[in-house]
Amino acid sequence: MITSPNTFSKRVKETRKQLGLTQEALAHELGVSFATINRWENAKTVPFKLARKQFDAFCEKMEKQKKLKLPPKGER
């Protein structure tokens, strides 16, 4: 599924805020740089397939731990 930069940027920012993480802390959790998270949140870039899978897996893990509330799959 291709996500527009604006939709993905909102999702990254909302995820980070729900978890109470800084951009730097989220970057550390995902194994990417602070600049990468910053570019994602500011809709400058969207992640490549591997990074997107890492982000999705991280979100699902946080959801299972009841730390994150994700929208239904059809709305992501």
N, C-alpha and C. Protein backbone atom coordinates (compact mmCIF):
# COMPACT_ATOMS: atom_id res chain seq x y z
N MET A 1 0.84 -1.18 0.00
CA MET A 1 0.00 0.00 0.00
C MET A 1 0.89 1.24 0.00
N ILE A 2 0.63 2.15 -0.90
CA ILE A 2 1.39 3.38 -0.97
C ILE A 2 0.69 4.41 -0.11
N THR A 3 1.45 5.06 0.73
CA THR A 3 0.92 6.07 1.62
C THR A 3 1.43 7.43 1.18
N SER A 4 0.54 8.41 1.13
CA SER A 4 0.99 9.75 0.77
C SER A 4 1.88 10.29 1.87
N PRO A 5 2.79 11.21 1.53
CA PRO A 5 3.67 11.76 2.56
C PRO A 5 2.91 12.41 3.72
N ASN A 6 1.82 13.13 3.42
CA ASN A 6 1.08 13.80 4.49
C ASN A 6 0.40 12.82 5.42
N THR A 7 -0.18 11.76 4.88
CA THR A 7 -0.84 10.75 5.70
C THR A 7 0.18 10.04 6.59
N PHE A 8 1.29 9.66 6.00
CA PHE A 8 2.32 8.96 6.78
C PHE A 8 2.91 9.88 7.84
N SER A 9 3.15 11.13 7.50
CA SER A 9 3.74 12.06 8.48
C SER A 9 2.82 12.23 9.68
N LYS A 10 1.52 12.31 9.45
CA LYS A 10 0.57 12.42 10.56
C LYS A 10 0.59 11.17 11.42
N ARG A 11 0.71 10.03 10.78
CA ARG A 11 0.74 8.77 11.54
C ARG A 11 1.99 8.68 12.41
N VAL A 12 3.13 9.07 11.87
CA VAL A 12 4.37 9.03 12.64
C VAL A 12 4.26 9.97 13.84
N LYS A 13 3.81 11.18 13.60
CA LYS A 13 3.71 12.16 14.68
C LYS A 13 2.72 11.70 15.74
N GLU A 14 1.56 11.19 15.34
CA GLU A 14 0.55 10.72 16.29
C GLU A 14 1.08 9.54 17.10
N THR A 15 1.75 8.62 16.46
CA THR A 15 2.33 7.47 17.15
C THR A 15 3.34 7.94 18.20
N ARG A 16 4.21 8.82 17.79
CA ARG A 16 5.24 9.33 18.70
C ARG A 16 4.62 10.04 19.89
N LYS A 17 3.61 10.86 19.64
CA LYS A 17 2.97 11.60 20.73
C LYS A 17 2.22 10.67 21.68
N GLN A 18 1.51 9.68 21.14
CA GLN A 18 0.81 8.72 22.00
C GLN A 18 1.77 7.98 22.92
N LEU A 19 2.95 7.69 22.40
CA LEU A 19 3.94 6.95 23.18
C LEU A 19 4.79 7.86 24.07
N GLY A 20 4.63 9.17 23.91
CA GLY A 20 5.40 10.11 24.72
C GLY A 20 6.87 10.10 24.40
N LEU A 21 7.21 9.88 23.13
CA LEU A 21 8.61 9.80 22.71
C LEU A 21 9.04 11.06 21.98
N THR A 22 10.29 11.40 22.10
CA THR A 22 10.87 12.45 21.27
C THR A 22 11.18 11.85 19.90
N GLN A 23 11.48 12.71 18.95
CA GLN A 23 11.88 12.20 17.63
C GLN A 23 13.14 11.36 17.77
N GLU A 24 14.04 11.79 18.61
CA GLU A 24 15.29 11.06 18.82
C GLU A 24 15.03 9.67 19.43
N ALA A 25 14.12 9.61 20.41
CA ALA A 25 13.81 8.33 21.05
C ALA A 25 13.13 7.37 20.07
N LEU A 26 12.22 7.90 19.26
CA LEU A 26 11.56 7.04 18.26
C LEU A 26 12.58 6.55 17.24
N ALA A 27 13.47 7.42 16.83
CA ALA A 27 14.53 7.03 15.89
C ALA A 27 15.34 5.88 16.47
N HIS A 28 15.69 5.98 17.74
CA HIS A 28 16.46 4.91 18.41
C HIS A 28 15.67 3.61 18.41
N GLU A 29 14.39 3.67 18.73
CA GLU A 29 13.55 2.46 18.75
C GLU A 29 13.49 1.78 17.38
N LEU A 30 13.47 2.58 16.33
CA LEU A 30 13.34 2.04 14.97
C LEU A 30 14.68 1.76 14.30
N GLY A 31 15.77 2.22 14.90
CA GLY A 31 17.08 2.01 14.30
C GLY A 31 17.34 2.90 13.11
N VAL A 32 16.76 4.10 13.15
CA VAL A 32 17.00 5.08 12.08
C VAL A 32 17.53 6.35 12.74
N SER A 33 17.89 7.33 11.94
CA SER A 33 18.42 8.57 12.49
C SER A 33 17.30 9.53 12.89
N PHE A 34 17.67 10.47 13.76
CA PHE A 34 16.74 11.54 14.14
C PHE A 34 16.27 12.27 12.89
N ALA A 35 17.20 12.55 11.97
CA ALA A 35 16.86 13.29 10.75
C ALA A 35 15.81 12.54 9.93
N THR A 36 15.87 11.22 9.93
CA THR A 36 14.88 10.43 9.20
C THR A 36 13.49 10.64 9.78
N ILE A 37 13.37 10.55 11.09
CA ILE A 37 12.07 10.76 11.74
C ILE A 37 11.59 12.18 11.47
N ASN A 38 12.49 13.13 11.55
CA ASN A 38 12.13 14.53 11.30
C ASN A 38 11.61 14.71 9.88
N ARG A 39 12.28 14.10 8.91
CA ARG A 39 11.83 14.21 7.51
C ARG A 39 10.49 13.51 7.30
N TRP A 40 10.28 12.37 7.97
CA TRP A 40 8.99 11.68 7.86
C TRP A 40 7.88 12.56 8.42
N GLU A 41 8.09 13.12 9.61
CA GLU A 41 7.06 13.94 10.26
C GLU A 41 6.76 15.22 9.49
N ASN A 42 7.75 15.76 8.82
CA ASN A 42 7.55 16.99 8.06
C ASN A 42 7.19 16.73 6.60
N ALA A 43 6.84 15.48 6.29
CA ALA A 43 6.40 15.06 4.95
C ALA A 43 7.42 15.39 3.86
N LYS A 44 8.70 15.36 4.24
CA LYS A 44 9.76 15.58 3.25
C LYS A 44 10.07 14.30 2.50
N THR A 45 9.92 13.16 3.19
CA THR A 45 10.15 11.85 2.58
C THR A 45 9.18 10.84 3.18
N VAL A 46 9.04 9.72 2.51
CA VAL A 46 8.34 8.56 3.06
C VAL A 46 9.35 7.43 3.11
N PRO A 47 9.16 6.48 4.01
CA PRO A 47 10.17 5.43 4.16
C PRO A 47 10.17 4.45 3.00
N PHE A 48 11.33 3.84 2.81
CA PHE A 48 11.42 2.73 1.89
C PHE A 48 10.71 1.54 2.51
N LYS A 49 10.52 0.50 1.76
CA LYS A 49 9.75 -0.66 2.18
C LYS A 49 10.24 -1.26 3.51
N LEU A 50 11.53 -1.44 3.67
CA LEU A 50 12.07 -2.05 4.89
C LEU A 50 11.79 -1.18 6.11
N ALA A 51 12.04 0.12 5.99
CA ALA A 51 11.80 1.02 7.12
C ALA A 51 10.31 1.08 7.44
N ARG A 52 9.48 1.04 6.43
CA ARG A 52 8.03 1.06 6.65
C ARG A 52 7.59 -0.20 7.40
N LYS A 53 8.17 -1.35 7.03
CA LYS A 53 7.86 -2.60 7.74
C LYS A 53 8.29 -2.51 9.20
N GLN A 54 9.46 -1.92 9.45
CA GLN A 54 9.94 -1.75 10.82
C GLN A 54 8.98 -0.85 11.60
N PHE A 55 8.55 0.23 11.00
CA PHE A 55 7.63 1.15 11.66
C PHE A 55 6.30 0.45 11.96
N ASP A 56 5.76 -0.26 10.98
CA ASP A 56 4.50 -0.97 11.18
C ASP A 56 4.61 -2.04 12.27
N ALA A 57 5.72 -2.78 12.27
CA ALA A 57 5.93 -3.81 13.29
C ALA A 57 6.05 -3.18 14.67
N PHE A 58 6.75 -2.06 14.76
CA PHE A 58 6.89 -1.35 16.03
C PHE A 58 5.51 -0.91 16.53
N CYS A 59 4.70 -0.35 15.64
CA CYS A 59 3.36 0.11 16.03
C CYS A 59 2.50 -1.05 16.50
N GLU A 60 2.55 -2.16 15.80
CA GLU A 60 1.76 -3.33 16.20
C GLU A 60 2.23 -3.86 17.56
N LYS A 61 3.53 -3.87 17.78
CA LYS A 61 4.07 -4.31 19.07
C LYS A 61 3.56 -3.40 20.20
N MET A 62 3.59 -2.09 19.98
CA MET A 62 3.13 -1.14 20.99
C MET A 62 1.62 -1.27 21.22
N GLU A 63 0.89 -1.59 20.15
CA GLU A 63 -0.56 -1.79 20.27
C GLU A 63 -0.85 -3.03 21.12
N LYS A 64 -0.12 -4.10 20.88
CA LYS A 64 -0.32 -5.33 21.66
C LYS A 64 0.00 -5.11 23.13
N GLN A 65 0.94 -4.22 23.40
CA GLN A 65 1.31 -3.91 24.79
C GLN A 65 0.37 -2.85 25.39
N LYS A 66 -0.67 -2.48 24.62
CA LYS A 66 -1.67 -1.49 25.06
C LYS A 66 -1.06 -0.10 25.30
N LYS A 67 0.01 0.20 24.61
CA LYS A 67 0.65 1.51 24.74
C LYS A 67 0.26 2.45 23.61
N LEU A 68 -0.39 1.89 22.57
CA LEU A 68 -0.72 2.65 21.39
C LEU A 68 -2.09 2.22 20.88
N LYS A 69 -2.88 3.20 20.48
CA LYS A 69 -4.19 2.90 19.89
C LYS A 69 -4.12 3.27 18.42
N LEU A 70 -4.17 2.25 17.58
CA LEU A 70 -4.10 2.46 16.13
C LEU A 70 -5.49 2.51 15.53
N PRO A 71 -5.66 3.23 14.42
CA PRO A 71 -6.94 3.19 13.72
C PRO A 71 -7.13 1.81 13.11
N PRO A 72 -8.36 1.43 12.76
CA PRO A 72 -8.59 0.14 12.10
C PRO A 72 -7.73 0.01 10.85
N LYS A 73 -7.35 -1.23 10.53
CA LYS A 73 -6.41 -1.47 9.42
C LYS A 73 -6.80 -0.80 8.11
N GLY A 74 -8.08 -0.74 7.77
CA GLY A 74 -8.51 -0.11 6.54
C GLY A 74 -8.30 1.39 6.51
N GLU A 75 -8.08 2.01 7.67
CA GLU A 75 -7.92 3.46 7.76
C GLU A 75 -6.46 3.88 7.91
N ARG A 76 -5.53 2.94 7.90
CA ARG A 76 -4.10 3.27 8.08
C ARG A 76 -3.47 3.65 6.78
